[in-house]
Amino acid sequence: MVRRIIEINEEICNGCGLCAKACHEGAIGMVNGKAKLLRDDYCDGLGDCLPNCPVGAISFVEREAAAYDEAAVLENKKKQQQAHAGGCPGMKAREIPGHKVQVSAADVSAAETVSELRQWPVQIQLAPVKAPYFEGAKLLIAADCTAYAYGNFHRDFIRGRVALIGCPKLDDVDYSEKLTEILRQNDVKSLTIVRMEVPCCGGIERAAVSALQNSGKFIPWQVVTVSVDGRILD
């Protein structure tokens, strides 16, 4: 039958996942970092997802599609609730309370092993666009290799900041769109960008700077470059 149904432009989609959360029927899922219509018969054609897309990647089309199957939707919801009671813990946004560690002056090396991470998730693609921990935050956007190259990364960069990481060479997605929405929708106080010296790492710097410009916000920002042998470059 020909009916009204949603269409998702994957080139425009920034992978924020807000449409999937807004779809009460479970018709939309995230596949390889992009929103995708999973089954035609799960889509009721009402479009609750449309106003939740920050980049306008979803529209209505008239095409041949299976009829909406409410019974199948309800059965799928039941299966999802049983399989993922409470939601997937790996993607659930949460704050991590600070660690209290007593360290003697003679054992400062122990302090360097304490995790300074204060929120989850940390991957740019998995992070929510809006979360309580972004409010009033000092935001760190870092290339994932920097934490391996620079030994005191937690102490010098993650401490006191909300951290988001990614690799523009491996992730086939434009980070700037999602980062723009994070900056636009939250009261971020400052931005620190940490990248490697290698040329391909310039992608994460460009995405972060572009996001800051596109957000319309005027906040302090800085770029720190780490060498492959673990030094901070001027």
Protein backbone atom coordinates (compact mmCIF):
# COMPACT_ATOMS: atom_id res chain seq x y z
CA MET A 1 0.00 0.00 0.00
CA VAL A 2 1.07 3.61 -0.60
CA ARG A 3 1.10 5.63 2.60
CA ARG A 4 2.90 8.43 4.44
CA ILE A 5 6.06 7.29 6.17
CA ILE A 6 9.25 8.89 7.43
CA GLU A 7 12.49 9.09 5.47
CA ILE A 8 15.90 9.69 7.10
CA ASN A 9 18.70 11.45 5.23
CA GLU A 10 21.78 9.68 6.60
CA GLU A 11 24.12 12.28 5.08
CA ILE A 12 22.53 14.99 7.22
CA CYS A 13 22.02 12.81 10.35
CA ASN A 14 24.54 13.65 13.10
CA GLY A 15 23.96 10.47 15.08
CA CYS A 16 22.58 12.18 18.19
CA GLY A 17 19.89 9.50 18.65
CA LEU A 18 17.15 11.90 19.74
CA CYS A 19 14.77 10.65 17.06
CA ALA A 20 15.18 7.04 18.20
CA LYS A 21 14.33 8.08 21.76
CA ALA A 22 11.29 10.02 20.55
CA CYS A 23 9.93 7.13 18.46
CA HIS A 24 7.49 5.34 20.77
CA GLU A 25 7.02 2.52 18.28
CA GLY A 26 10.69 1.53 18.06
CA ALA A 27 10.73 2.10 14.30
CA ILE A 28 14.02 4.02 14.43
CA GLY A 29 17.34 2.61 15.59
CA MET A 30 20.98 3.64 15.49
CA VAL A 31 23.06 1.70 12.95
CA ASN A 32 26.75 2.52 12.51
CA GLY A 33 26.27 5.86 14.20
CA LYS A 34 23.30 6.91 12.03
CA ALA A 35 19.54 6.87 12.56
CA LYS A 36 17.76 4.28 10.43
CA LEU A 37 14.15 3.26 9.85
CA LEU A 38 14.30 -0.37 10.98
CA ARG A 39 10.89 -1.58 9.79
CA ASP A 40 8.15 0.09 7.78
CA ASP A 41 5.39 -1.66 9.74
CA TYR A 42 6.66 -0.11 12.99
CA CYS A 43 6.25 3.45 11.68
CA ASP A 44 2.77 4.91 12.34
CA GLY A 45 3.41 7.94 10.12
CA LEU A 46 2.60 10.45 12.88
CA GLY A 47 6.12 11.85 13.00
CA ASP A 48 6.87 12.30 16.70
CA CYS A 49 10.52 12.00 15.68
CA LEU A 50 10.55 15.01 13.31
CA PRO A 51 10.60 17.88 15.85
CA ASN A 52 13.27 16.09 17.89
CA CYS A 53 15.82 16.04 15.05
CA PRO A 54 18.16 19.04 15.56
CA VAL A 55 19.50 18.95 11.99
CA GLY A 56 16.33 18.35 9.96
CA ALA A 57 17.37 14.94 8.67
CA ILE A 58 13.84 13.44 8.84
CA SER A 59 10.94 14.15 6.49
CA PHE A 60 7.68 12.57 5.32
CA VAL A 61 7.38 10.78 1.99
CA GLU A 62 4.54 8.97 0.23
CA ARG A 63 5.68 5.53 -0.93
CA GLU A 64 4.85 1.86 -1.06
CA ALA A 65 5.20 0.55 2.51
CA ALA A 66 3.81 -2.16 4.74
CA ALA A 67 0.84 -1.11 6.84
CA TYR A 68 1.44 -0.05 10.43
CA ASP A 69 1.25 -3.17 12.62
CA GLU A 70 0.36 -2.20 16.18
CA ALA A 71 0.46 -5.81 17.40
CA ALA A 72 4.01 -6.24 16.09
CA VAL A 73 5.04 -2.98 17.74
CA LEU A 74 3.66 -4.05 21.10
CA GLU A 75 5.35 -7.43 20.86
CA ASN A 76 8.67 -5.76 19.99
CA LYS A 77 8.34 -3.39 22.95
CA LYS A 78 7.78 -6.34 25.25
CA LYS A 79 10.90 -8.11 23.94
CA GLN A 80 12.99 -4.96 24.29
CA GLN A 81 11.89 -4.44 27.88
CA GLN A 82 12.80 -7.99 28.75
CA ALA A 83 16.18 -7.85 27.01
CA HIS A 84 17.21 -4.39 28.17
CA ALA A 85 15.53 -3.84 31.50
CA GLY A 86 16.60 -0.42 32.70
CA GLY A 87 18.31 0.41 29.37
CA CYS A 88 21.74 -0.43 28.00
CA PRO A 89 24.23 0.43 30.78
CA GLY A 90 26.94 1.15 28.24
CA MET A 91 25.08 4.13 26.75
CA LYS A 92 23.29 5.46 29.81
CA ALA A 93 24.42 8.98 30.65
CA ARG A 94 25.60 9.24 34.24
CA GLU A 95 27.86 11.24 36.46
CA ILE A 96 30.72 9.56 38.28
CA PRO A 97 31.35 10.74 41.85
CA GLY A 98 34.84 11.92 42.74
CA HIS A 99 37.34 9.59 44.35
CA LYS A 100 38.75 10.37 47.78
CA VAL A 101 42.25 8.99 48.05
CA GLN A 102 44.73 9.75 50.82
CA VAL A 103 48.27 9.83 49.47
CA SER A 104 51.43 10.57 51.39
CA ALA A 105 53.96 13.09 50.08
CA ALA A 106 56.42 10.26 49.54
CA ASP A 107 54.03 8.37 47.29
CA VAL A 108 52.85 10.95 44.76
CA SER A 109 52.96 8.33 42.00
CA ALA A 110 49.84 6.72 43.47
CA ALA A 111 47.88 9.95 42.93
CA GLU A 112 48.62 9.80 39.20
CA THR A 113 46.78 6.49 38.90
CA VAL A 114 43.45 7.88 40.15
CA SER A 115 40.80 8.26 37.46
CA GLU A 116 39.54 11.81 37.02
CA LEU A 117 36.67 10.85 34.73
CA ARG A 118 33.42 12.35 35.98
CA GLN A 119 30.82 11.29 33.39
CA TRP A 120 29.83 8.52 30.99
CA PRO A 121 29.78 7.92 28.05
CA VAL A 122 32.88 9.64 26.73
CA GLN A 123 32.70 8.83 23.00
CA ILE A 124 31.38 11.82 21.04
CA GLN A 125 29.06 9.60 19.02
CA LEU A 126 27.50 8.05 22.14
CA ALA A 127 27.27 11.19 24.28
CA PRO A 128 23.85 12.80 24.71
CA VAL A 129 23.32 16.27 23.26
CA LYS A 130 22.03 17.56 26.59
CA ALA A 131 22.93 16.27 30.06
CA PRO A 132 23.12 17.74 33.58
CA TYR A 133 26.90 17.37 33.71
CA PHE A 134 27.30 19.73 30.72
CA GLU A 135 25.78 22.62 32.65
CA GLY A 136 28.53 24.96 33.83
CA ALA A 137 31.15 22.50 32.58
CA LYS A 138 34.65 23.00 31.33
CA LEU A 139 34.47 20.85 28.21
CA LEU A 140 37.39 18.75 26.97
CA ILE A 141 37.30 17.46 23.39
CA ALA A 142 40.23 15.14 22.79
CA ALA A 143 41.56 12.81 20.13
CA ASP A 144 41.49 9.36 21.69
CA CYS A 145 45.22 8.73 21.08
CA THR A 146 46.19 11.65 23.32
CA ALA A 147 45.36 9.74 26.48
CA TYR A 148 47.83 7.01 25.46
CA ALA A 149 50.60 9.32 24.32
CA TYR A 150 50.52 11.73 27.27
CA GLY A 151 51.14 9.95 30.57
CA ASN A 152 49.43 12.39 32.93
CA PHE A 153 46.36 12.92 30.77
CA HIS A 154 43.88 12.38 33.60
CA ARG A 155 45.67 14.72 35.98
CA ASP A 156 46.40 17.52 33.52
CA PHE A 157 43.38 17.43 31.22
CA ILE A 158 40.41 15.39 32.49
CA ARG A 159 40.56 16.70 36.06
CA GLY A 160 37.80 19.26 36.55
CA ARG A 161 36.46 18.82 33.02
CA VAL A 162 33.78 16.88 31.15
CA ALA A 163 35.61 14.75 28.58
CA LEU A 164 34.52 13.77 25.08
CA ILE A 165 36.81 11.76 22.81
CA GLY A 166 36.87 10.64 19.20
CA CYS A 167 39.00 9.85 16.18
CA PRO A 168 38.08 11.65 12.94
CA LYS A 169 40.13 9.20 10.89
CA LEU A 170 38.28 6.11 12.17
CA ASP A 171 34.79 7.50 12.75
CA ASP A 172 33.01 8.19 9.47
CA VAL A 173 30.96 11.08 10.84
CA ASP A 174 31.15 14.86 11.07
CA TYR A 175 31.59 15.62 14.77
CA SER A 176 30.93 19.34 14.30
CA GLU A 177 27.15 18.97 14.03
CA LYS A 178 26.72 17.14 17.31
CA LEU A 179 29.31 19.27 19.11
CA THR A 180 27.48 22.37 17.89
CA GLU A 181 24.28 21.18 19.56
CA ILE A 182 26.09 20.30 22.78
CA LEU A 183 27.57 23.79 22.96
CA ARG A 184 24.33 25.45 21.88
CA GLN A 185 22.02 23.61 24.27
CA ASN A 186 24.20 23.66 27.40
CA ASP A 187 25.90 26.32 29.50
CA VAL A 188 29.49 25.28 28.74
CA LYS A 189 32.01 27.63 30.37
CA SER A 190 35.19 26.80 28.44
CA LEU A 191 36.54 24.51 25.75
CA THR A 192 39.88 22.69 25.63
CA ILE A 193 40.84 20.75 22.50
CA VAL A 194 43.64 18.19 22.79
CA ARG A 195 44.98 16.63 19.58
CA MET A 196 47.98 14.69 18.36
CA GLU A 197 50.63 16.30 16.16
CA VAL A 198 49.79 14.02 13.21
CA PRO A 199 47.93 15.75 10.32
CA CYS A 200 44.85 13.52 10.39
CA CYS A 201 44.18 14.63 13.95
CA GLY A 202 43.45 18.12 12.66
CA GLY A 203 39.94 16.88 11.94
CA ILE A 204 38.93 16.90 15.59
CA GLU A 205 40.33 20.41 16.03
CA ARG A 206 38.45 21.69 12.98
CA ALA A 207 35.23 20.03 14.14
CA ALA A 208 35.47 21.56 17.62
CA VAL A 209 36.36 25.05 16.37
CA SER A 210 33.59 24.88 13.75
CA ALA A 211 31.12 23.77 16.42
CA LEU A 212 32.07 26.70 18.63
CA GLN A 213 31.59 29.15 15.76
CA ASN A 214 28.28 27.62 14.67
CA SER A 215 26.90 27.52 18.22
CA GLY A 216 26.98 31.31 18.48
CA LYS A 217 28.62 31.04 21.90
CA PHE A 218 31.59 33.16 22.98
CA ILE A 219 33.57 31.12 25.50
CA PRO A 220 37.30 30.78 26.22
CA TRP A 221 38.97 28.02 24.21
CA GLN A 222 42.42 26.59 23.63
CA VAL A 223 44.13 23.91 21.54
CA VAL A 224 46.85 21.69 23.01
CA THR A 225 48.97 19.50 20.73
CA VAL A 226 50.65 16.32 21.95
CA SER A 227 53.65 14.79 20.18
CA VAL A 228 53.82 11.08 19.38
CA ASP A 229 56.49 10.72 22.05
CA GLY A 230 54.24 12.25 24.71
CA ARG A 231 55.36 15.87 24.90
CA ILE A 232 53.20 18.99 24.94
CA LEU A 233 54.12 21.06 21.89
CA ASP A 234 54.04 24.86 21.93
